[in-house]
Structure formats: C-alpha cells, structure tokens
Amino acid sequence: MQRCGMSAGDVNFSYRTRATPAKKIAPFISHSRTGAWNWRLHLSVLTSTYVIFPVLGLAVFAVASGWLPHTLLVGILFLSFLPSTVQSSIAFTAIAGGNVPAAICSASLSNLLGVFITPLLVQIFLGAAGKGLSWDVVQAIILQLLLPFFLGHLSRPWTAAFLHRHKILTTIIDRGSILIVVYVAFSAAVVQGIWRAVSPANFALMVAISAAILALILAITMRGARLLGFSKADEIVMVFCGSKKSLASGVPMAGVLFPAATVGAVIIPLMLFHQLQLMACAILARRYAERDVNTDLIPAAGDRAHQKSSA
C-alpha cells in the first residue's frame, strides 16, 4: 500500500478541490455562516458517525464472532470508525432539497476530524489487529489525508476553474486513483488466499449485516432528527451525512493502519457498504424530493378548487 501513497494523496487533493463545484455552491455562499453555526445539527451528525456507528460495530463484532472470519469482523468494526463522505453527502442533500450549506460544513468537519478520531478508535479497539500509532503511521496519515485535504481547499481559487473545465479528466483521476488503491489492496489479499478463508455463506452474511447496519442507522438518524425538532431540511442533512462512510478516506487509511496482508480483507465490508449506501440513499433522496413536490402541489390544487367554487 505504500506504493499507492501518492495515488491516495492525488485522489484526496482532487476530491477536495472539486468536491463542491463553484456553480453549485454559489447560491449557498450567502447562507454559509448559518450552516457553519448550526451546532446542534453538526453535533448530532458527529454523534451518529463517531458514537452510534461504533456502538453498532462493536455489537456486530461481539455477536458475529465465530460466524465470520476475524479479518472481516475487524473490517466491519473499522468501517464503523470511519468519517462521513463529503461529495455524495452534499449531492444527496441537494437532490433531496435539504440544507446544503449545513451539509457542506457537517460533512467536511466529519471528514477532517476523522483523520484524528478514526486512528484513535482503531488503536483503542483494534490495537492488536493494527500496526499501532507510531510516528510513521501518523506521518503517513498526515501526508495522505490531512495535507491533501488542506491543499485541496486552499488551492480552489487557482485550480477549481481549471478542474471544472476538465471535469472528465479529473473524474478519471479521482475514481482511477481510488480504483488503483482498492485493486492493490484487494490483490494482496487474493495472493494471501482471502477466498479460501471467506466462503459464499460468509460473504452473504456480511452483505446481510452491512444492509442491516445501514437500515438501522438510517432509521436512527431520521427518527433522531425528528425527536430533536429539526426542520425537514436539517433532517435530510442528518440522514445523509450521519449515515454514510467514506471509501475515499477509508481505503488509504486502512493501508496505513493495518498490515498489508490483511488490508484487502479489512476493506471488503467498506466496499460492500459503500455500494449499499449509494443505492439506498439515491432512493431515499428521490423520495424526499418527491414528497416536497407533492407538498407543494396540494396547496396549489386547493387554491384552484377554491377559485372554481368562488366563480
């Protein structure tokens, strides 16, 4: 995985630079301060990401022990420690008609804090399975995740326009870099004989567990937002930012925190969860959007009926 360090840095730099295109974010700039100071919402998202999710992961680790290979259990627990996504959380929030400025702040904060919180949680709960928090590990995390995060944001005034003009090229670099990192990690696992250790029954159980975790966290964030009295726009932010896990951060972080021989198996739950969350959130975002449209149409239909009765 060390040979892919530059790829991980490249994807994080490109990802941060073009994470929120200028044309899409322009209408929300005037409201960004409101989004940044929505502390109850941000705290709720962080609680979901770094408290509720790890509790679910620890519960699965305890219950499924003996049913799944240890490396897959480690992967499920590692998944629960990861930060939220940025780009897809914002995109789904926008599609659903949610509070986009708050989503930008909440997802970015989650991703930034994850650089520190995720390795700490891994050290506390998975110390024996990982490499430990040595200076080499800290340095690798800073170079591959934290430094590209800041450079990507700071370089936007000079690079964003160029990257958006060449969107196809940056998309290829972005997704290609992730693919390379995943491919190298997964190939190492195949060489180590991962498919001899993971049976079809294990794989099916892992899919079921990932789907159950996703369904549960979506229900918790949705219900929690309503109990806290959030507006519909803020509920959407909590649902999409509080239920997602970042593949872009998780894969390079796994390469740093775990031995090369186990990385491929550790990221399998993350890859599965990533696909499930994209499919589920796409459906959910569309339903939120359709609900808003129907809500707008009902008063309009009532007004037309009233006008006809008056005539």
C-alpha atoms as a PDB file:
ATOM      1  CA  MET A   1       0.000   0.000   0.000  1.00  0.00           C
ATOM      2  CA  GLN A   2       2.915   2.358   0.482  1.00  0.00           C
ATOM      3  CA  ARG A   3       3.473   2.333  -3.271  1.00  0.00           C
ATOM      4  CA  CYS A   4      -0.046   3.744  -3.630  1.00  0.00           C
ATOM      5  CA  GLY A   5       0.572   6.574  -1.187  1.00  0.00           C
ATOM      6  CA  MET A   6       0.781   9.143  -3.976  1.00  0.00           C
ATOM      7  CA  SER A   7      -2.417   7.795  -5.510  1.00  0.00           C
ATOM      8  CA  ALA A   8      -4.209   8.236  -2.218  1.00  0.00           C
ATOM      9  CA  GLY A   9      -2.862  11.765  -1.916  1.00  0.00           C
ATOM     10  CA  ASP A  10      -3.815  12.540  -5.500  1.00  0.00           C
ATOM     11  CA  VAL A  11      -7.393  11.415  -5.060  1.00  0.00           C
ATOM     12  CA  ASN A  12      -7.786  13.370  -1.828  1.00  0.00           C
ATOM     13  CA  PHE A  13      -6.330  16.514  -3.392  1.00  0.00           C
ATOM     14  CA  SER A  14      -8.534  16.244  -6.492  1.00  0.00           C
ATOM     15  CA  TYR A  15     -11.528  15.295  -4.359  1.00  0.00           C
ATOM     16  CA  ARG A  16     -11.182  18.313  -2.047  1.00  0.00           C
ATOM     17  CA  THR A  17     -10.520  20.719  -4.900  1.00  0.00           C
ATOM     18  CA  ARG A  18     -13.627  19.810  -6.852  1.00  0.00           C
ATOM     19  CA  ALA A  19     -15.805  18.437  -4.037  1.00  0.00           C
ATOM     20  CA  THR A  20     -18.269  21.298  -4.312  1.00  0.00           C
ATOM     21  CA  PRO A  21     -18.325  22.856  -7.776  1.00  0.00           C
ATOM     22  CA  ALA A  22     -18.437  26.656  -7.835  1.00  0.00           C
ATOM     23  CA  LYS A  23     -21.652  26.817  -9.870  1.00  0.00           C
ATOM     24  CA  LYS A  24     -23.478  24.534  -7.464  1.00  0.00           C
ATOM     25  CA  ILE A  25     -22.285  26.171  -4.272  1.00  0.00           C
ATOM     26  CA  ALA A  26     -22.672  29.799  -5.417  1.00  0.00           C
ATOM     27  CA  PRO A  27     -26.358  30.083  -4.411  1.00  0.00           C
ATOM     28  CA  PHE A  28     -25.494  28.926  -0.870  1.00  0.00           C
ATOM     29  CA  ILE A  29     -22.473  31.145  -0.157  1.00  0.00           C
ATOM     30  CA  SER A  30     -24.571  33.869   1.453  1.00  0.00           C
ATOM     31  CA  HIS A  31     -26.011  31.277   3.879  1.00  0.00           C
ATOM     32  CA  SER A  32     -22.734  29.512   4.718  1.00  0.00           C
ATOM     33  CA  ARG A  33     -22.389  31.231   8.089  1.00  0.00           C
ATOM     34  CA  THR A  34     -25.793  29.908   9.138  1.00  0.00           C
ATOM     35  CA  GLY A  35     -24.745  26.416   8.087  1.00  0.00           C
ATOM     36  CA  ALA A  36     -21.467  26.641   9.986  1.00  0.00           C
ATOM     37  CA  TRP A  37     -23.124  27.734  13.234  1.00  0.00           C
ATOM     38  CA  ASN A  38     -25.847  25.068  13.225  1.00  0.00           C
ATOM     39  CA  TRP A  39     -24.027  23.380  16.084  1.00  0.00           C
ATOM     40  CA  ARG A  40     -26.890  21.112  17.217  1.00  0.00           C
ATOM     41  CA  LEU A  41     -27.071  19.576  13.764  1.00  0.00           C
ATOM     42  CA  HIS A  42     -23.291  19.166  13.424  1.00  0.00           C
ATOM     43  CA  LEU A  43     -23.022  17.631  16.881  1.00  0.00           C
ATOM     44  CA  SER A  44     -25.831  15.211  16.013  1.00  0.00           C
ATOM     45  CA  VAL A  45     -24.081  14.151  12.802  1.00  0.00           C
ATOM     46  CA  LEU A  46     -20.783  13.642  14.640  1.00  0.00           C
ATOM     47  CA  THR A  47     -22.570  11.657  17.350  1.00  0.00           C
ATOM     48  CA  SER A  48     -24.083   9.385  14.712  1.00  0.00           C
ATOM     49  CA  THR A  49     -20.740   8.973  12.928  1.00  0.00           C
ATOM     50  CA  TYR A  50     -18.392   8.512  15.873  1.00  0.00           C
ATOM     51  CA  VAL A  51     -20.627   7.229  18.710  1.00  0.00           C
ATOM     52  CA  ILE A  52     -23.728   5.415  17.406  1.00  0.00           C
ATOM     53  CA  PHE A  53     -21.953   3.815  14.438  1.00  0.00           C
ATOM     54  CA  PRO A  54     -19.058   2.436  16.555  1.00  0.00           C
ATOM     55  CA  VAL A  55     -21.553   1.077  19.119  1.00  0.00           C
ATOM     56  CA  LEU A  56     -23.311  -0.799  16.295  1.00  0.00           C
ATOM     57  CA  GLY A  57     -19.941  -2.012  15.016  1.00  0.00           C
ATOM     58  CA  LEU A  58     -18.917  -3.263  18.456  1.00  0.00           C
ATOM     59  CA  ALA A  59     -22.266  -5.044  18.838  1.00  0.00           C
ATOM     60  CA  VAL A  60     -21.800  -6.811  15.494  1.00  0.00           C
ATOM     61  CA  PHE A  61     -18.203  -7.674  16.416  1.00  0.00           C
ATOM     62  CA  ALA A  62     -19.422  -9.345  19.624  1.00  0.00           C
ATOM     63  CA  VAL A  63     -22.497 -11.090  18.191  1.00  0.00           C
ATOM     64  CA  ALA A  64     -20.994 -12.280  14.884  1.00  0.00           C
ATOM     65  CA  SER A  65     -17.767 -13.547  16.442  1.00  0.00           C
ATOM     66  CA  GLY A  66     -17.472 -17.184  15.407  1.00  0.00           C
ATOM     67  CA  TRP A  67     -19.725 -16.664  12.399  1.00  0.00           C
ATOM     68  CA  LEU A  68     -17.299 -14.617  10.298  1.00  0.00           C
ATOM     69  CA  PRO A  69     -13.500 -14.697   9.854  1.00  0.00           C
ATOM     70  CA  HIS A  70     -11.738 -12.377  12.261  1.00  0.00           C
ATOM     71  CA  THR A  71     -10.384 -10.091   9.499  1.00  0.00           C
ATOM     72  CA  LEU A  72     -13.918  -9.438   8.210  1.00  0.00           C
ATOM     73  CA  LEU A  73     -15.096  -8.623  11.727  1.00  0.00           C
ATOM     74  CA  VAL A  74     -12.182  -6.221  12.004  1.00  0.00           C
ATOM     75  CA  GLY A  75     -13.297  -4.702   8.686  1.00  0.00           C
ATOM     76  CA  ILE A  76     -16.850  -4.182   9.945  1.00  0.00           C
ATOM     77  CA  LEU A  77     -15.558  -2.506  13.092  1.00  0.00           C
ATOM     78  CA  PHE A  78     -13.110  -0.385  11.081  1.00  0.00           C
ATOM     79  CA  LEU A  79     -15.999   0.651   8.813  1.00  0.00           C
ATOM     80  CA  SER A  80     -17.925   1.904  11.830  1.00  0.00           C
ATOM     81  CA  PHE A  81     -14.990   4.132  12.862  1.00  0.00           C
ATOM     82  CA  LEU A  82     -14.690   5.969   9.535  1.00  0.00           C
ATOM     83  CA  PRO A  83     -15.778   9.564   8.779  1.00  0.00           C
ATOM     84  CA  SER A  84     -18.711  10.518   6.608  1.00  0.00           C
ATOM     85  CA  THR A  85     -18.375  11.152   2.895  1.00  0.00           C
ATOM     86  CA  VAL A  86     -18.262  14.713   1.565  1.00  0.00           C
ATOM     87  CA  GLN A  87     -19.195  14.791  -2.107  1.00  0.00           C
ATOM     88  CA  SER A  88     -22.035  12.250  -2.116  1.00  0.00           C
ATOM     89  CA  SER A  89     -23.489  13.523   1.183  1.00  0.00           C
ATOM     90  CA  ILE A  90     -23.735  17.025  -0.275  1.00  0.00           C
ATOM     91  CA  ALA A  91     -25.074  15.740  -3.589  1.00  0.00           C
ATOM     92  CA  PHE A  92     -27.826  13.649  -1.986  1.00  0.00           C
ATOM     93  CA  THR A  93     -28.738  16.523   0.349  1.00  0.00           C
ATOM     94  CA  ALA A  94     -29.104  18.833  -2.640  1.00  0.00           C
ATOM     95  CA  ILE A  95     -31.231  16.300  -4.555  1.00  0.00           C
ATOM     96  CA  ALA A  96     -33.499  15.795  -1.542  1.00  0.00           C
ATOM     97  CA  GLY A  97     -33.955  19.538  -1.009  1.00  0.00           C
ATOM     98  CA  GLY A  98     -32.036  19.699   2.272  1.00  0.00           C
ATOM     99  CA  ASN A  99     -29.858  22.318   3.952  1.00  0.00           C
ATOM    100  CA  VAL A 100     -26.859  22.253   1.607  1.00  0.00           C
ATOM    101  CA  PRO A 101     -24.683  24.822   3.480  1.00  0.00           C
ATOM    102  CA  ALA A 102     -25.078  22.782   6.675  1.00  0.00           C
ATOM    103  CA  ALA A 103     -24.299  19.564   4.778  1.00  0.00           C
ATOM    104  CA  ILE A 104     -21.087  21.090   3.401  1.00  0.00           C
ATOM    105  CA  CYS A 105     -19.945  22.139   6.873  1.00  0.00           C
ATOM    106  CA  SER A 106     -21.053  18.943   8.607  1.00  0.00           C
ATOM    107  CA  ALA A 107     -19.561  16.520   6.079  1.00  0.00           C
ATOM    108  CA  SER A 108     -16.282  18.472   5.868  1.00  0.00           C
ATOM    109  CA  LEU A 109     -15.997  18.627   9.664  1.00  0.00           C
ATOM    110  CA  SER A 110     -16.670  14.891   9.957  1.00  0.00           C
ATOM    111  CA  ASN A 111     -14.035  14.123   7.329  1.00  0.00           C
ATOM    112  CA  LEU A 112     -11.454  16.391   8.917  1.00  0.00           C
ATOM    113  CA  LEU A 113     -11.974  15.065  12.451  1.00  0.00           C
ATOM    114  CA  GLY A 114     -11.870  11.505  11.101  1.00  0.00           C
ATOM    115  CA  VAL A 115      -8.174  11.921  10.356  1.00  0.00           C
ATOM    116  CA  PHE A 116      -7.641  12.014  14.138  1.00  0.00           C
ATOM    117  CA  ILE A 117     -10.628  10.100  15.558  1.00  0.00           C
ATOM    118  CA  THR A 118     -10.514   7.025  13.304  1.00  0.00           C
ATOM    119  CA  PRO A 119      -6.864   6.072  14.073  1.00  0.00           C
ATOM    120  CA  LEU A 120      -7.544   6.673  17.765  1.00  0.00           C
ATOM    121  CA  LEU A 121     -10.587   4.362  17.747  1.00  0.00           C
ATOM    122  CA  VAL A 122      -8.623   1.732  15.819  1.00  0.00           C
ATOM    123  CA  GLN A 123      -5.853   1.926  18.391  1.00  0.00           C
ATOM    124  CA  ILE A 124      -8.293   1.619  21.313  1.00  0.00           C
ATOM    125  CA  PHE A 125     -10.498  -1.190  19.996  1.00  0.00           C
ATOM    126  CA  LEU A 126      -8.351  -2.911  17.354  1.00  0.00           C
ATOM    127  CA  GLY A 127      -4.837  -2.353  18.655  1.00  0.00           C
ATOM    128  CA  ALA A 128      -3.834  -5.994  18.268  1.00  0.00           C
ATOM    129  CA  ALA A 129      -5.083  -6.136  14.647  1.00  0.00           C
ATOM    130  CA  GLY A 130      -3.442  -2.898  13.554  1.00  0.00           C
ATOM    131  CA  LYS A 131       0.070  -1.523  13.347  1.00  0.00           C
ATOM    132  CA  GLY A 132      -0.269   0.774  16.352  1.00  0.00           C
ATOM    133  CA  LEU A 133       0.065   4.566  16.417  1.00  0.00           C
ATOM    134  CA  SER A 134       3.746   5.039  15.673  1.00  0.00           C
ATOM    135  CA  TRP A 135       5.223   8.214  14.223  1.00  0.00           C
ATOM    136  CA  ASP A 136       5.428   6.531  10.798  1.00  0.00           C
ATOM    137  CA  VAL A 137       1.676   5.871  10.898  1.00  0.00           C
ATOM    138  CA  VAL A 138       0.883   9.443  11.971  1.00  0.00           C
ATOM    139  CA  GLN A 139       3.169  10.829   9.278  1.00  0.00           C
ATOM    140  CA  ALA A 140       1.546   8.663   6.586  1.00  0.00           C
ATOM    141  CA  ILE A 141      -1.952   9.787   7.640  1.00  0.00           C
ATOM    142  CA  ILE A 142      -0.904  13.441   7.550  1.00  0.00           C
ATOM    143  CA  LEU A 143       0.704  13.116   4.115  1.00  0.00           C
ATOM    144  CA  GLN A 144      -2.043  11.021   2.505  1.00  0.00           C
ATOM    145  CA  LEU A 145      -5.173  12.544   4.070  1.00  0.00           C
ATOM    146  CA  LEU A 146      -4.693  15.716   6.101  1.00  0.00           C
ATOM    147  CA  LEU A 147      -2.252  17.552   3.831  1.00  0.00           C
ATOM    148  CA  PRO A 148      -4.262  16.907   0.620  1.00  0.00           C
ATOM    149  CA  PHE A 149      -7.414  17.987   2.492  1.00  0.00           C
ATOM    150  CA  PHE A 150      -5.990  21.432   3.254  1.00  0.00           C
ATOM    151  CA  LEU A 151      -4.115  21.834  -0.031  1.00  0.00           C
ATOM    152  CA  GLY A 152      -7.244  20.945  -1.993  1.00  0.00           C
ATOM    153  CA  HIS A 153      -9.337  23.544  -0.192  1.00  0.00           C
ATOM    154  CA  LEU A 154      -6.659  26.242  -0.160  1.00  0.00           C
ATOM    155  CA  SER A 155      -5.886  25.811  -3.883  1.00  0.00           C
ATOM    156  CA  ARG A 156      -9.514  26.216  -5.011  1.00  0.00           C
ATOM    157  CA  PRO A 157      -9.141  29.903  -6.023  1.00  0.00           C
ATOM    158  CA  TRP A 158      -6.414  28.903  -8.526  1.00  0.00           C
ATOM    159  CA  THR A 159      -7.297  25.329  -9.508  1.00  0.00           C
ATOM    160  CA  ALA A 160     -11.092  24.915  -9.231  1.00  0.00           C
ATOM    161  CA  ALA A 161     -11.920  26.603 -12.537  1.00  0.00           C
ATOM    162  CA  PHE A 162      -9.326  24.525 -14.420  1.00  0.00           C
ATOM    163  CA  LEU A 163     -10.507  21.267 -12.856  1.00  0.00           C
ATOM    164  CA  HIS A 164     -14.149  22.021 -13.613  1.00  0.00           C
ATOM    165  CA  ARG A 165     -13.301  22.838 -17.229  1.00  0.00           C
ATOM    166  CA  HIS A 166     -11.624  19.426 -17.458  1.00  0.00           C
ATOM    167  CA  LYS A 167     -14.215  17.532 -15.430  1.00  0.00           C
ATOM    168  CA  ILE A 168     -13.847  14.289 -17.394  1.00  0.00           C
ATOM    169  CA  LEU A 169     -10.088  14.196 -16.778  1.00  0.00           C
ATOM    170  CA  THR A 170     -10.404  14.938 -13.055  1.00  0.00           C
ATOM    171  CA  THR A 171     -13.151  12.325 -12.699  1.00  0.00           C
ATOM    172  CA  ILE A 172     -10.879   9.726 -14.318  1.00  0.00           C
ATOM    173  CA  ILE A 173      -8.011  10.664 -11.991  1.00  0.00           C
ATOM    174  CA  ASP A 174     -10.287  10.744  -8.946  1.00  0.00           C
ATOM    175  CA  ARG A 175     -12.010   7.407  -9.499  1.00  0.00           C
ATOM    176  CA  GLY A 176      -8.964   5.833 -11.099  1.00  0.00           C
ATOM    177  CA  SER A 177      -6.830   6.595  -8.040  1.00  0.00           C
ATOM    178  CA  ILE A 178      -9.394   5.006  -5.736  1.00  0.00           C
ATOM    179  CA  LEU A 179      -9.592   2.016  -8.061  1.00  0.00           C
ATOM    180  CA  ILE A 180      -5.808   1.591  -8.043  1.00  0.00           C
ATOM    181  CA  VAL A 181      -5.592   1.726  -4.247  1.00  0.00           C
ATOM    182  CA  VAL A 182      -8.500  -0.734  -3.867  1.00  0.00           C
ATOM    183  CA  TYR A 183      -7.063  -3.010  -6.568  1.00  0.00           C
ATOM    184  CA  VAL A 184      -3.609  -3.180  -4.966  1.00  0.00           C
ATOM    185  CA  ALA A 185      -5.054  -3.869  -1.507  1.00  0.00           C
ATOM    186  CA  PHE A 186      -7.506  -6.451  -2.775  1.00  0.00           C
ATOM    187  CA  SER A 187      -4.879  -8.134  -4.973  1.00  0.00           C
ATOM    188  CA  ALA A 188      -2.621  -8.537  -1.972  1.00  0.00           C
ATOM    189  CA  ALA A 189      -5.493 -10.191  -0.122  1.00  0.00           C
ATOM    190  CA  VAL A 190      -6.149 -12.574  -3.031  1.00  0.00           C
ATOM    191  CA  VAL A 191      -2.469 -13.539  -3.098  1.00  0.00           C
ATOM    192  CA  GLN A 192      -2.711 -14.223   0.638  1.00  0.00           C
ATOM    193  CA  GLY A 193      -5.665 -16.558  -0.060  1.00  0.00           C
ATOM    194  CA  ILE A 194      -8.634 -14.496   1.105  1.00  0.00           C
ATOM    195  CA  TRP A 195     -11.178 -16.538  -0.867  1.00  0.00           C
ATOM    196  CA  ARG A 196     -10.047 -19.698   0.863  1.00  0.00           C
ATOM    197  CA  ALA A 197     -10.940 -18.082   4.172  1.00  0.00           C
ATOM    198  CA  VAL A 198     -14.190 -16.386   3.039  1.00  0.00           C
ATOM    199  CA  SER A 199     -16.904 -18.798   1.968  1.00  0.00           C
ATOM    200  CA  PRO A 200     -20.009 -17.808  -0.045  1.00  0.00           C
ATOM    201  CA  ALA A 201     -22.007 -18.150   3.191  1.00  0.00           C
ATOM    202  CA  ASN A 202     -19.612 -15.723   4.930  1.00  0.00           C
ATOM    203  CA  PHE A 203     -19.962 -13.273   2.072  1.00  0.00           C
ATOM    204  CA  ALA A 204     -23.769 -13.474   2.096  1.00  0.00           C
ATOM    205  CA  LEU A 205     -23.826 -12.958   5.867  1.00  0.00           C
ATOM    206  CA  MET A 206     -21.566  -9.937   5.520  1.00  0.00           C
ATOM    207  CA  VAL A 207     -23.895  -8.401   2.916  1.00  0.00           C
ATOM    208  CA  ALA A 208     -26.858  -9.002   5.241  1.00  0.00           C
ATOM    209  CA  ILE A 209     -25.014  -7.436   8.193  1.00  0.00           C
ATOM    210  CA  SER A 210     -23.993  -4.390   6.131  1.00  0.00           C
ATOM    211  CA  ALA A 211     -27.580  -3.910   4.926  1.00  0.00           C
ATOM    212  CA  ALA A 212     -28.904  -4.257   8.492  1.00  0.00           C
ATOM    213  CA  ILE A 213     -26.419  -1.693   9.828  1.00  0.00           C
ATOM    214  CA  LEU A 214     -27.343   0.734   7.046  1.00  0.00           C
ATOM    215  CA  ALA A 215     -31.086   0.305   7.584  1.00  0.00           C
ATOM    216  CA  LEU A 216     -30.678   0.756  11.336  1.00  0.00           C
ATOM    217  CA  ILE A 217     -28.518   3.881  11.102  1.00  0.00           C
ATOM    218  CA  LEU A 218     -30.881   5.450   8.552  1.00  0.00           C
ATOM    219  CA  ALA A 219     -33.806   4.810  10.890  1.00  0.00           C
ATOM    220  CA  ILE A 220     -31.888   6.159  13.908  1.00  0.00           C
ATOM    221  CA  THR A 221     -30.799   9.373  12.158  1.00  0.00           C
ATOM    222  CA  MET A 222     -34.261  10.000  10.712  1.00  0.00           C
ATOM    223  CA  ARG A 223     -36.040   9.364  13.998  1.00  0.00           C
ATOM    224  CA  GLY A 224     -33.401  11.238  15.977  1.00  0.00           C
ATOM    225  CA  ALA A 225     -33.722  14.332  13.792  1.00  0.00           C
ATOM    226  CA  ARG A 226     -37.481  14.390  14.363  1.00  0.00           C
ATOM    227  CA  LEU A 227     -37.149  13.875  18.128  1.00  0.00           C
ATOM    228  CA  LEU A 228     -34.682  16.782  18.237  1.00  0.00           C
ATOM    229  CA  GLY A 229     -37.189  19.001  16.423  1.00  0.00           C
ATOM    230  CA  PHE A 230     -35.057  19.602  13.335  1.00  0.00           C
ATOM    231  CA  SER A 231     -36.636  21.095  10.251  1.00  0.00           C
ATOM    232  CA  LYS A 232     -37.126  18.856   7.240  1.00  0.00           C
ATOM    233  CA  ALA A 233     -34.060  20.432   5.570  1.00  0.00           C
ATOM    234  CA  ASP A 234     -31.887  19.685   8.623  1.00  0.00           C
ATOM    235  CA  GLU A 235     -33.348  16.188   8.958  1.00  0.00           C
ATOM    236  CA  ILE A 236     -32.126  15.473   5.427  1.00  0.00           C
ATOM    237  CA  VAL A 237     -28.617  16.607   6.390  1.00  0.00           C
ATOM    238  CA  MET A 238     -28.570  14.377   9.453  1.00  0.00           C
ATOM    239  CA  VAL A 239     -29.820  11.373   7.482  1.00  0.00           C
ATOM    240  CA  PHE A 240     -27.341  11.668   4.619  1.00  0.00           C
ATOM    241  CA  CYS A 241     -24.277  12.970   6.492  1.00  0.00           C
ATOM    242  CA  GLY A 242     -24.828  10.833   9.590  1.00  0.00           C
ATOM    243  CA  SER A 243     -25.369   7.503   7.826  1.00  0.00           C
ATOM    244  CA  LYS A 244     -22.555   7.418   5.260  1.00  0.00           C
ATOM    245  CA  LYS A 245     -18.971   6.182   5.405  1.00  0.00           C
ATOM    246  CA  SER A 246     -16.119   7.371   3.215  1.00  0.00           C
ATOM    247  CA  LEU A 247     -14.439   4.934   0.832  1.00  0.00           C
ATOM    248  CA  ALA A 248     -12.032   7.667  -0.315  1.00  0.00           C
ATOM    249  CA  SER A 249     -10.734   8.109   3.247  1.00  0.00           C
ATOM    250  CA  GLY A 250     -11.170   4.529   4.404  1.00  0.00           C
ATOM    251  CA  VAL A 251      -9.063   2.730   1.809  1.00  0.00           C
ATOM    252  CA  PRO A 252      -5.837   4.742   2.222  1.00  0.00           C
ATOM    253  CA  MET A 253      -6.351   4.849   5.992  1.00  0.00           C
ATOM    254  CA  ALA A 254      -6.661   1.051   6.090  1.00  0.00           C
ATOM    255  CA  GLY A 255      -3.393   0.803   4.166  1.00  0.00           C
ATOM    256  CA  VAL A 256      -1.707   2.869   6.846  1.00  0.00           C
ATOM    257  CA  LEU A 257      -3.316   1.355   9.957  1.00  0.00           C
ATOM    258  CA  PHE A 258      -3.305  -2.375   9.097  1.00  0.00           C
ATOM    259  CA  PRO A 259      -0.654  -4.846   7.877  1.00  0.00           C
ATOM    260  CA  ALA A 260      -0.549  -5.240   4.093  1.00  0.00           C
ATOM    261  CA  ALA A 261      -1.569  -8.901   4.342  1.00  0.00           C
ATOM    262  CA  THR A 262      -4.906  -8.031   5.968  1.00  0.00           C
ATOM    263  CA  VAL A 263      -5.848  -4.765   4.227  1.00  0.00           C
ATOM    264  CA  GLY A 264      -7.740  -6.441   1.377  1.00  0.00           C
ATOM    265  CA  ALA A 265      -9.989  -8.383   3.751  1.00  0.00           C
ATOM    266  CA  VAL A 266     -10.459  -5.379   6.039  1.00  0.00           C
ATOM    267  CA  ILE A 267     -11.806  -3.154   3.245  1.00  0.00           C
ATOM    268  CA  ILE A 268     -14.304  -5.732   1.880  1.00  0.00           C
ATOM    269  CA  PRO A 269     -17.067  -4.635   4.321  1.00  0.00           C
ATOM    270  CA  LEU A 270     -16.338  -0.998   3.414  1.00  0.00           C
ATOM    271  CA  MET A 271     -16.661  -1.673  -0.327  1.00  0.00           C
ATOM    272  CA  LEU A 272     -19.942  -3.514   0.207  1.00  0.00           C
ATOM    273  CA  PHE A 273     -21.330  -0.840   2.497  1.00  0.00           C
ATOM    274  CA  HIS A 274     -20.279   1.869   0.032  1.00  0.00           C
ATOM    275  CA  GLN A 275     -22.357   0.334  -2.759  1.00  0.00           C
ATOM    276  CA  LEU A 276     -25.344  -0.290  -0.482  1.00  0.00           C
ATOM    277  CA  GLN A 277     -25.329   3.260   0.886  1.00  0.00           C
ATOM    278  CA  LEU A 278     -25.220   4.775  -2.601  1.00  0.00           C
ATOM    279  CA  MET A 279     -28.207   2.711  -3.763  1.00  0.00           C
ATOM    280  CA  ALA A 280     -30.245   3.266  -0.602  1.00  0.00           C
ATOM    281  CA  CYS A 281     -29.510   6.992  -0.372  1.00  0.00           C
ATOM    282  CA  ALA A 282     -30.325   7.540  -4.060  1.00  0.00           C
ATOM    283  CA  ILE A 283     -33.785   6.043  -3.476  1.00  0.00           C
ATOM    284  CA  LEU A 284     -34.238   7.976  -0.228  1.00  0.00           C
ATOM    285  CA  ALA A 285     -33.168  11.288  -1.755  1.00  0.00           C
ATOM    286  CA  ARG A 286     -35.630  10.852  -4.600  1.00  0.00           C
ATOM    287  CA  ARG A 287     -38.436  10.121  -2.126  1.00  0.00           C
ATOM    288  CA  TYR A 288     -37.620  13.225  -0.103  1.00  0.00           C
ATOM    289  CA  ALA A 289     -37.669  15.289  -3.304  1.00  0.00           C
ATOM    290  CA  GLU A 290     -40.969  13.779  -4.467  1.00  0.00           C
ATOM    291  CA  ARG A 291     -42.515  14.414  -1.059  1.00  0.00           C
ATOM    292  CA  ASP A 292     -41.584  18.101  -1.318  1.00  0.00           C
ATOM    293  CA  VAL A 293     -43.096  18.307  -4.795  1.00  0.00           C
ATOM    294  CA  ASN A 294     -46.323  16.666  -3.611  1.00  0.00           C
ATOM    295  CA  THR A 295     -46.477  19.011  -0.610  1.00  0.00           C
ATOM    296  CA  ASP A 296     -46.201  21.998  -2.937  1.00  0.00           C
ATOM    297  CA  LEU A 297     -48.862  20.626  -5.272  1.00  0.00           C
ATOM    298  CA  ILE A 298     -51.508  20.030  -2.580  1.00  0.00           C
ATOM    299  CA  PRO A 299     -51.937  23.721  -1.605  1.00  0.00           C
ATOM    300  CA  ALA A 300     -51.861  24.695  -5.289  1.00  0.00           C
ATOM    301  CA  ALA A 301     -54.662  22.216  -6.058  1.00  0.00           C
ATOM    302  CA  GLY A 302     -56.641  23.534  -3.093  1.00  0.00           C
ATOM    303  CA  ASP A 303     -56.282  27.108  -4.330  1.00  0.00           C
ATOM    304  CA  ARG A 304     -57.558  26.136  -7.778  1.00  0.00           C
ATOM    305  CA  ALA A 305     -60.547  24.337  -6.245  1.00  0.00           C
ATOM    306  CA  HIS A 306     -61.323  27.365  -4.106  1.00  0.00           C
ATOM    307  CA  GLN A 307     -61.156  29.649  -7.118  1.00  0.00           C
ATOM    308  CA  LYS A 308     -63.588  27.403  -9.044  1.00  0.00           C
ATOM    309  CA  SER A 309     -66.073  27.302  -6.139  1.00  0.00           C
ATOM    310  CA  SER A 310     -65.898  31.084  -5.785  1.00  0.00           C
ATOM    311  CA  ALA A 311     -66.570  31.507  -9.506  1.00  0.00           C
END
